[in-house]
């Protein structure tokens, strides 16, 4: 692992730990396994951080929207960071079983 990747992973881990500890989540979104959801922010973002890529896949669509795909049951957090490296929003994603 390169030094840059290690620094990024460490920063993500510390940042998400601080957010988790303070319950500083703007929203919680629940989506069914195998589906997706388009999230739109009020402000533009530069970077998207995901704490558990085994639960969700996040694909930026524009500088204000991301497509979240539910991969496995569980919970994951998304943190949006603007160009000055400051977190501007965070969303907790809960993936549940699809109802039959």
N, C-alpha and C. Protein backbone atom coordinates (compact mmCIF):
# COMPACT_ATOMS: atom_id res chain seq x y z
N UNK A 1 0.85 -1.17 0.00
CA UNK A 1 0.00 0.00 0.00
C UNK A 1 0.89 1.23 0.00
N UNK A 2 0.60 2.19 -0.87
CA UNK A 2 1.43 3.38 -0.94
C UNK A 2 1.19 4.29 0.26
N UNK A 3 2.11 5.20 0.48
CA UNK A 3 1.98 6.14 1.60
C UNK A 3 0.72 6.98 1.43
N UNK A 4 0.44 7.40 0.19
CA UNK A 4 -0.73 8.21 -0.07
C UNK A 4 -2.02 7.45 0.27
N UNK A 5 -2.10 6.18 -0.14
CA UNK A 5 -3.28 5.38 0.17
C UNK A 5 -3.43 5.16 1.66
N UNK A 6 -2.31 4.90 2.35
CA UNK A 6 -2.36 4.72 3.80
C UNK A 6 -2.88 5.97 4.49
N UNK A 7 -2.41 7.13 4.06
CA UNK A 7 -2.84 8.39 4.65
C UNK A 7 -4.33 8.60 4.41
N UNK A 8 -4.80 8.26 3.22
CA UNK A 8 -6.21 8.40 2.90
C UNK A 8 -7.07 7.47 3.76
N UNK A 9 -6.65 6.22 3.88
CA UNK A 9 -7.39 5.25 4.70
C UNK A 9 -7.40 5.69 6.16
N UNK A 10 -6.26 6.14 6.67
CA UNK A 10 -6.19 6.60 8.06
C UNK A 10 -7.10 7.80 8.26
N UNK A 11 -7.05 8.75 7.33
CA UNK A 11 -7.90 9.93 7.44
C UNK A 11 -9.37 9.58 7.41
N UNK A 12 -9.75 8.67 6.52
CA UNK A 12 -11.13 8.21 6.43
C UNK A 12 -11.56 7.53 7.72
N UNK A 13 -10.72 6.66 8.25
CA UNK A 13 -11.04 5.94 9.49
C UNK A 13 -11.22 6.90 10.65
N UNK A 14 -10.29 7.83 10.81
CA UNK A 14 -10.38 8.80 11.91
C UNK A 14 -11.59 9.69 11.72
N UNK A 15 -11.80 10.18 10.50
CA UNK A 15 -12.93 11.06 10.24
C UNK A 15 -14.26 10.39 10.50
N UNK A 16 -14.42 9.15 10.04
CA UNK A 16 -15.67 8.44 10.26
C UNK A 16 -15.85 8.06 11.72
N UNK A 17 -14.77 7.77 12.42
CA UNK A 17 -14.88 7.47 13.85
C UNK A 17 -15.37 8.68 14.61
N UNK A 18 -14.88 9.85 14.27
CA UNK A 18 -15.33 11.08 14.93
C UNK A 18 -16.79 11.33 14.62
N UNK A 19 -17.20 11.18 13.36
CA UNK A 19 -18.59 11.38 13.00
C UNK A 19 -19.49 10.35 13.68
N UNK A 20 -19.05 9.10 13.72
CA UNK A 20 -19.86 8.06 14.36
C UNK A 20 -20.02 8.31 15.85
N UNK A 21 -18.96 8.74 16.48
CA UNK A 21 -19.00 8.97 17.92
C UNK A 21 -19.96 10.10 18.28
N UNK A 22 -20.06 11.08 17.42
CA UNK A 22 -20.91 12.22 17.75
C UNK A 22 -22.31 12.09 17.16
N UNK A 23 -22.57 11.02 16.41
CA UNK A 23 -23.86 10.84 15.73
C UNK A 23 -24.19 12.06 14.88
N UNK A 24 -23.20 12.58 14.20
CA UNK A 24 -23.36 13.81 13.42
C UNK A 24 -23.83 13.52 12.01
N UNK A 25 -24.81 12.66 11.86
CA UNK A 25 -25.29 12.32 10.54
C UNK A 25 -26.47 13.19 10.18
N UNK A 26 -26.43 13.76 8.98
CA UNK A 26 -27.50 14.63 8.52
C UNK A 26 -28.77 13.85 8.24
N UNK A 27 -28.63 12.65 7.68
CA UNK A 27 -29.77 11.85 7.27
C UNK A 27 -29.46 10.37 7.38
N UNK A 28 -30.52 9.59 7.48
CA UNK A 28 -30.41 8.14 7.35
C UNK A 28 -31.33 7.73 6.22
N UNK A 29 -30.79 6.95 5.29
CA UNK A 29 -31.56 6.49 4.14
C UNK A 29 -31.56 4.97 4.19
N UNK A 30 -32.75 4.38 4.04
CA UNK A 30 -32.88 2.92 4.01
C UNK A 30 -33.22 2.51 2.58
N UNK A 31 -32.44 1.56 2.05
CA UNK A 31 -32.72 1.06 0.72
C UNK A 31 -32.73 -0.47 0.74
N UNK A 32 -33.47 -1.04 -0.19
CA UNK A 32 -33.60 -2.50 -0.26
C UNK A 32 -32.41 -3.10 -1.00
N UNK A 33 -32.03 -4.27 -0.56
CA UNK A 33 -30.93 -5.01 -1.17
C UNK A 33 -31.19 -5.17 -2.67
N UNK A 34 -30.17 -4.90 -3.48
CA UNK A 34 -30.29 -5.05 -4.92
C UNK A 34 -30.86 -3.84 -5.63
N UNK A 35 -31.19 -2.78 -4.89
CA UNK A 35 -31.74 -1.57 -5.52
C UNK A 35 -30.74 -0.43 -5.38
N UNK A 36 -31.14 0.73 -5.84
CA UNK A 36 -30.29 1.90 -5.75
C UNK A 36 -31.10 3.12 -5.38
N UNK A 37 -30.37 4.20 -5.08
CA UNK A 37 -31.01 5.45 -4.72
C UNK A 37 -30.11 6.59 -5.17
N UNK A 38 -30.72 7.63 -5.72
CA UNK A 38 -29.98 8.80 -6.14
C UNK A 38 -30.04 9.83 -5.01
N UNK A 39 -28.89 10.24 -4.50
CA UNK A 39 -28.82 11.24 -3.44
C UNK A 39 -28.36 12.56 -4.04
N UNK A 40 -29.04 13.65 -3.68
CA UNK A 40 -28.70 14.97 -4.16
C UNK A 40 -28.41 15.88 -2.98
N UNK A 41 -27.28 16.57 -3.03
CA UNK A 41 -26.89 17.50 -1.98
C UNK A 41 -27.24 18.92 -2.39
N UNK A 42 -27.37 19.78 -1.39
CA UNK A 42 -27.63 21.20 -1.64
C UNK A 42 -26.38 21.91 -2.13
N UNK A 43 -25.20 21.39 -1.75
CA UNK A 43 -23.92 22.00 -2.12
C UNK A 43 -23.13 21.02 -2.97
N UNK A 44 -22.19 21.55 -3.72
CA UNK A 44 -21.32 20.68 -4.51
C UNK A 44 -20.24 20.07 -3.63
N UNK A 45 -19.77 18.90 -4.01
CA UNK A 45 -18.72 18.21 -3.27
C UNK A 45 -17.58 17.87 -4.21
N UNK A 46 -16.42 17.63 -3.63
CA UNK A 46 -15.24 17.25 -4.40
C UNK A 46 -14.95 15.76 -4.25
N UNK A 47 -15.14 15.23 -3.02
CA UNK A 47 -14.77 13.86 -2.70
C UNK A 47 -15.90 13.18 -1.94
N UNK A 48 -16.04 11.88 -2.18
CA UNK A 48 -17.02 11.06 -1.46
C UNK A 48 -16.25 9.96 -0.74
N UNK A 49 -16.49 9.82 0.56
CA UNK A 49 -15.84 8.78 1.36
C UNK A 49 -16.89 7.77 1.82
N UNK A 50 -16.61 6.49 1.65
CA UNK A 50 -17.53 5.42 2.03
C UNK A 50 -16.82 4.52 3.02
N UNK A 51 -17.45 4.23 4.16
CA UNK A 51 -16.74 3.43 5.17
C UNK A 51 -16.88 1.93 4.98
N UNK A 52 -17.87 1.44 4.25
CA UNK A 52 -17.98 0.00 4.01
C UNK A 52 -18.43 -0.27 2.58
N UNK A 53 -17.47 -0.45 1.70
CA UNK A 53 -17.78 -0.67 0.29
C UNK A 53 -18.33 -2.06 0.01
N UNK A 54 -18.41 -2.91 1.02
CA UNK A 54 -19.04 -4.23 0.85
C UNK A 54 -20.56 -4.12 0.98
N UNK A 55 -21.03 -3.04 1.61
CA UNK A 55 -22.46 -2.83 1.81
C UNK A 55 -23.06 -2.01 0.67
N UNK A 56 -22.36 -0.95 0.25
CA UNK A 56 -22.86 -0.08 -0.81
C UNK A 56 -21.76 0.26 -1.81
N UNK A 57 -22.20 0.59 -3.01
CA UNK A 57 -21.31 1.14 -4.04
C UNK A 57 -21.82 2.54 -4.33
N UNK A 58 -20.93 3.52 -4.34
CA UNK A 58 -21.32 4.90 -4.58
C UNK A 58 -20.63 5.41 -5.84
N UNK A 59 -21.43 5.93 -6.77
CA UNK A 59 -20.91 6.46 -8.03
C UNK A 59 -21.36 7.91 -8.18
N UNK A 60 -20.42 8.86 -8.14
CA UNK A 60 -20.81 10.26 -8.38
C UNK A 60 -21.40 10.41 -9.78
N UNK A 61 -22.49 11.16 -9.88
CA UNK A 61 -23.13 11.42 -11.16
C UNK A 61 -22.85 12.86 -11.61
N UNK A 62 -22.91 13.80 -10.68
CA UNK A 62 -22.57 15.20 -10.92
C UNK A 62 -21.81 15.66 -9.68
N UNK A 63 -21.53 16.96 -9.58
CA UNK A 63 -20.84 17.46 -8.39
C UNK A 63 -21.80 17.66 -7.21
N UNK A 64 -23.08 17.30 -7.41
CA UNK A 64 -24.07 17.37 -6.31
C UNK A 64 -24.87 16.09 -6.12
N UNK A 65 -24.67 15.09 -6.98
CA UNK A 65 -25.45 13.86 -6.87
C UNK A 65 -24.58 12.61 -6.94
N UNK A 66 -25.02 11.57 -6.22
CA UNK A 66 -24.37 10.26 -6.28
C UNK A 66 -25.45 9.19 -6.41
N UNK A 67 -25.10 8.11 -7.07
CA UNK A 67 -25.96 6.93 -7.15
C UNK A 67 -25.43 5.92 -6.15
N UNK A 68 -26.29 5.50 -5.22
CA UNK A 68 -25.91 4.52 -4.20
C UNK A 68 -26.58 3.20 -4.55
N UNK A 69 -25.79 2.14 -4.69
CA UNK A 69 -26.31 0.80 -4.99
C UNK A 69 -26.10 -0.08 -3.76
N UNK A 70 -27.17 -0.79 -3.37
CA UNK A 70 -27.12 -1.68 -2.21
C UNK A 70 -26.54 -3.03 -2.64
N UNK A 71 -25.41 -3.40 -2.04
CA UNK A 71 -24.73 -4.65 -2.40
C UNK A 71 -25.00 -5.78 -1.41
N UNK A 72 -25.00 -5.46 -0.11
CA UNK A 72 -25.20 -6.44 0.96
C UNK A 72 -25.94 -5.79 2.11
N UNK A 73 -26.61 -6.61 2.92
CA UNK A 73 -27.28 -6.08 4.10
C UNK A 73 -26.26 -5.47 5.05
N UNK A 74 -26.66 -4.41 5.72
CA UNK A 74 -25.78 -3.77 6.69
C UNK A 74 -25.95 -2.27 6.69
N UNK A 75 -24.98 -1.60 7.29
CA UNK A 75 -24.99 -0.15 7.40
C UNK A 75 -23.65 0.40 6.94
N UNK A 76 -23.69 1.49 6.22
CA UNK A 76 -22.48 2.16 5.78
C UNK A 76 -22.71 3.66 5.85
N UNK A 77 -21.65 4.40 5.99
CA UNK A 77 -21.73 5.85 6.08
C UNK A 77 -21.03 6.47 4.88
N UNK A 78 -21.63 7.54 4.38
CA UNK A 78 -21.04 8.31 3.29
C UNK A 78 -20.76 9.71 3.81
N UNK A 79 -19.55 10.19 3.58
CA UNK A 79 -19.18 11.56 3.96
C UNK A 79 -18.81 12.30 2.69
N UNK A 80 -19.40 13.48 2.52
CA UNK A 80 -19.14 14.33 1.36
C UNK A 80 -18.21 15.45 1.79
N UNK A 81 -17.15 15.66 1.01
CA UNK A 81 -16.12 16.64 1.35
C UNK A 81 -16.02 17.65 0.22
N UNK A 82 -15.96 18.95 0.57
CA UNK A 82 -15.82 19.95 -0.50
C UNK A 82 -14.36 20.22 -0.83
N UNK A 83 -14.12 21.13 -1.75
CA UNK A 83 -12.77 21.35 -2.29
C UNK A 83 -11.73 21.79 -1.26
N UNK A 84 -12.15 22.27 -0.12
CA UNK A 84 -11.19 22.67 0.93
C UNK A 84 -11.02 21.58 1.98
N UNK A 85 -11.39 20.36 1.63
CA UNK A 85 -11.22 19.18 2.49
C UNK A 85 -11.99 19.26 3.80
N UNK A 86 -13.17 19.85 3.76
CA UNK A 86 -14.04 19.94 4.92
C UNK A 86 -15.30 19.14 4.64
N UNK A 87 -15.70 18.30 5.60
CA UNK A 87 -16.93 17.52 5.44
C UNK A 87 -18.13 18.45 5.44
N UNK A 88 -18.97 18.33 4.42
CA UNK A 88 -20.14 19.19 4.30
C UNK A 88 -21.45 18.45 4.56
N UNK A 89 -21.42 17.13 4.46
CA UNK A 89 -22.62 16.33 4.71
C UNK A 89 -22.22 14.89 4.97
N UNK A 90 -23.07 14.22 5.71
CA UNK A 90 -22.87 12.80 5.94
C UNK A 90 -24.22 12.10 5.94
N UNK A 91 -24.23 10.89 5.42
CA UNK A 91 -25.48 10.13 5.31
C UNK A 91 -25.20 8.70 5.75
N UNK A 92 -26.07 8.20 6.61
CA UNK A 92 -26.01 6.79 7.01
C UNK A 92 -26.94 6.02 6.09
N UNK A 93 -26.41 4.99 5.45
CA UNK A 93 -27.20 4.15 4.56
C UNK A 93 -27.44 2.81 5.23
N UNK A 94 -28.70 2.44 5.34
CA UNK A 94 -29.08 1.14 5.90
C UNK A 94 -29.63 0.29 4.75
N UNK A 95 -29.02 -0.87 4.54
CA UNK A 95 -29.48 -1.78 3.48
C UNK A 95 -30.22 -2.93 4.15
N UNK A 96 -31.47 -3.12 3.75
CA UNK A 96 -32.30 -4.18 4.31
C UNK A 96 -32.67 -5.16 3.21
N UNK A 97 -33.20 -6.31 3.61
CA UNK A 97 -33.66 -7.30 2.63
C UNK A 97 -34.80 -6.71 1.81
N UNK A 98 -34.84 -7.09 0.56
CA UNK A 98 -35.97 -6.68 -0.30
C UNK A 98 -37.20 -7.45 0.15
N UNK A 99 -38.30 -6.76 0.20
CA UNK A 99 -39.56 -7.44 0.59
C UNK A 99 -40.09 -8.21 -0.58
N UNK A 100 -40.58 -9.39 -0.29
CA UNK A 100 -41.09 -10.26 -1.34
C UNK A 100 -42.55 -10.02 -1.56
